[in-house]
């Protein structure tokens, strides 16, 4: 069994697009606030900038780590680990990858901005290497 770890993070192009959206929104707020005050346009742009910054933070923090014996999922909502023996199967539903747990229930992996089928196949290959 290999001790190598594979880390799946948000695709770099997605992070760049989110950062660009945050920068543009913040730039418009900085330019328009002195001219218009807290107009509806400035309020909407401020909310949009806040959402972009939250998305950027999530994109930089979230990751899936395929360790030697467990999958470690890190996101803004916390850290979770699933031992290889706990995972019964995997599937894609609605563009997201899910793990079926032997104890019952499903665990959703964070979206990585990559092809969900590619992530699914990577997880399945990781599961097979442990058998």
Protein backbone atom coordinates (compact mmCIF):
# COMPACT_ATOMS: atom_id res chain seq x y z
CA UNK A 1 0.00 0.00 0.00
CA UNK A 2 1.33 3.43 -0.91
CA UNK A 3 1.79 6.22 1.63
CA UNK A 4 1.51 8.92 -1.04
CA UNK A 5 -1.27 11.46 -0.66
CA UNK A 6 -3.18 13.02 -3.50
CA UNK A 7 -4.78 16.42 -2.92
CA UNK A 8 -7.68 17.61 -5.07
CA UNK A 9 -8.17 21.38 -4.81
CA UNK A 10 -10.36 23.89 -6.58
CA UNK A 11 -9.25 24.31 -10.19
CA UNK A 12 -6.92 27.29 -10.55
CA UNK A 13 -9.01 28.86 -13.34
CA UNK A 14 -12.08 28.90 -11.07
CA UNK A 15 -10.14 30.62 -8.28
CA UNK A 16 -8.85 33.21 -10.76
CA UNK A 17 -12.37 33.93 -12.07
CA UNK A 18 -13.74 34.32 -8.54
CA UNK A 19 -10.85 36.62 -7.58
CA UNK A 20 -11.47 38.69 -10.72
CA UNK A 21 -15.15 39.03 -9.83
CA UNK A 22 -14.25 40.10 -6.29
CA UNK A 23 -11.72 42.65 -7.56
CA UNK A 24 -14.16 44.13 -10.09
CA UNK A 25 -16.99 44.34 -7.57
CA UNK A 26 -14.77 45.96 -4.95
CA UNK A 27 -13.34 48.34 -7.54
CA UNK A 28 -16.81 49.51 -8.58
CA UNK A 29 -17.78 50.00 -4.92
CA UNK A 30 -14.66 52.11 -4.32
CA UNK A 31 -15.33 54.23 -7.42
CA UNK A 32 -19.10 54.63 -6.99
CA UNK A 33 -19.35 55.09 -3.21
CA UNK A 34 -17.92 58.65 -3.17
CA UNK A 35 -20.10 59.63 -6.15
CA UNK A 36 -23.43 58.05 -5.18
CA UNK A 37 -23.18 57.30 -1.47
CA UNK A 38 -24.93 54.14 -0.34
CA UNK A 39 -27.20 53.86 -3.36
CA UNK A 40 -28.91 50.62 -4.31
CA UNK A 41 -26.20 50.01 -6.92
CA UNK A 42 -23.43 50.34 -4.35
CA UNK A 43 -25.30 48.11 -1.89
CA UNK A 44 -25.80 45.40 -4.52
CA UNK A 45 -22.15 45.60 -5.58
CA UNK A 46 -21.06 45.42 -1.92
CA UNK A 47 -23.15 42.28 -1.41
CA UNK A 48 -21.79 40.81 -4.60
CA UNK A 49 -18.22 41.55 -3.50
CA UNK A 50 -18.87 39.90 -0.13
CA UNK A 51 -20.23 36.79 -1.85
CA UNK A 52 -17.24 36.66 -4.21
CA UNK A 53 -14.85 36.96 -1.25
CA UNK A 54 -16.66 34.18 0.61
CA UNK A 55 -16.48 32.01 -2.53
CA UNK A 56 -12.79 32.81 -2.92
CA UNK A 57 -12.13 31.82 0.69
CA UNK A 58 -14.05 28.58 0.19
CA UNK A 59 -12.16 27.88 -3.04
CA UNK A 60 -8.80 28.36 -1.34
CA UNK A 61 -9.68 26.34 1.78
CA UNK A 62 -11.68 23.41 0.36
CA UNK A 63 -9.80 20.29 -0.64
CA UNK A 64 -10.09 16.53 -0.80
CA UNK A 65 -7.06 14.62 0.48
CA UNK A 66 -6.75 10.97 -0.53
CA UNK A 67 -4.51 9.63 2.21
CA UNK A 68 -3.15 6.13 2.63
CA UNK A 69 -6.21 4.82 4.48
CA UNK A 70 -8.79 7.62 4.53
CA UNK A 71 -10.32 10.47 2.56
CA UNK A 72 -10.01 13.77 4.40
CA UNK A 73 -12.45 16.49 3.33
CA UNK A 74 -11.63 20.07 4.33
CA UNK A 75 -14.09 22.91 3.76
CA UNK A 76 -15.33 26.06 5.46
CA UNK A 77 -17.83 23.92 7.35
CA UNK A 78 -15.08 21.86 8.97
CA UNK A 79 -13.00 18.74 8.48
CA UNK A 80 -14.32 15.24 8.00
CA UNK A 81 -12.52 11.95 7.46
CA UNK A 82 -13.83 8.74 5.96
CA UNK A 83 -11.84 5.54 6.36
CA UNK A 84 -11.48 3.43 3.25
CA UNK A 85 -13.38 0.61 4.98
CA UNK A 86 -16.34 2.96 5.67
CA UNK A 87 -16.94 3.68 1.97
CA UNK A 88 -19.27 1.26 0.18
CA UNK A 89 -19.47 2.98 -3.22
CA UNK A 90 -19.36 6.29 -5.05
CA UNK A 91 -21.68 8.10 -7.43
CA UNK A 92 -22.30 11.39 -9.21
CA UNK A 93 -25.59 13.16 -8.58
CA UNK A 94 -26.31 16.65 -9.84
CA UNK A 95 -22.69 17.22 -10.84
CA UNK A 96 -21.33 16.42 -7.36
CA UNK A 97 -19.48 13.35 -6.15
CA UNK A 98 -21.02 11.40 -3.27
CA UNK A 99 -19.64 8.61 -1.10
CA UNK A 100 -22.05 5.91 0.09
CA UNK A 101 -21.10 4.98 3.64
CA UNK A 102 -21.40 1.42 4.93
CA UNK A 103 -23.13 2.66 8.08
CA UNK A 104 -25.85 4.20 5.94
CA UNK A 105 -26.11 7.62 4.40
CA UNK A 106 -24.19 9.60 1.86
CA UNK A 107 -21.31 12.07 2.14
CA UNK A 108 -20.94 14.83 -0.47
CA UNK A 109 -17.44 15.77 -1.52
CA UNK A 110 -16.81 19.47 -2.11
CA UNK A 111 -16.92 20.67 -5.70
CA UNK A 112 -13.48 21.26 -7.13
CA UNK A 113 -14.35 23.06 -10.35
CA UNK A 114 -12.99 20.05 -12.20
CA UNK A 115 -14.80 17.41 -14.16
CA UNK A 116 -16.91 15.50 -11.60
CA UNK A 117 -16.39 12.28 -13.55
CA UNK A 118 -12.61 12.75 -13.26
CA UNK A 119 -12.89 13.25 -9.49
CA UNK A 120 -15.17 10.20 -9.24
CA UNK A 121 -12.69 8.06 -11.19
CA UNK A 122 -9.80 9.29 -9.03
CA UNK A 123 -11.68 8.34 -5.86
CA UNK A 124 -12.67 4.96 -7.32
CA UNK A 125 -9.05 4.23 -8.30
CA UNK A 126 -7.96 5.19 -4.78
CA UNK A 127 -10.57 2.80 -3.33
CA UNK A 128 -9.39 -0.07 -5.59
CA UNK A 129 -5.73 0.45 -4.65
CA UNK A 130 -6.65 -0.30 -1.04
CA UNK A 131 -8.33 -3.65 -1.75
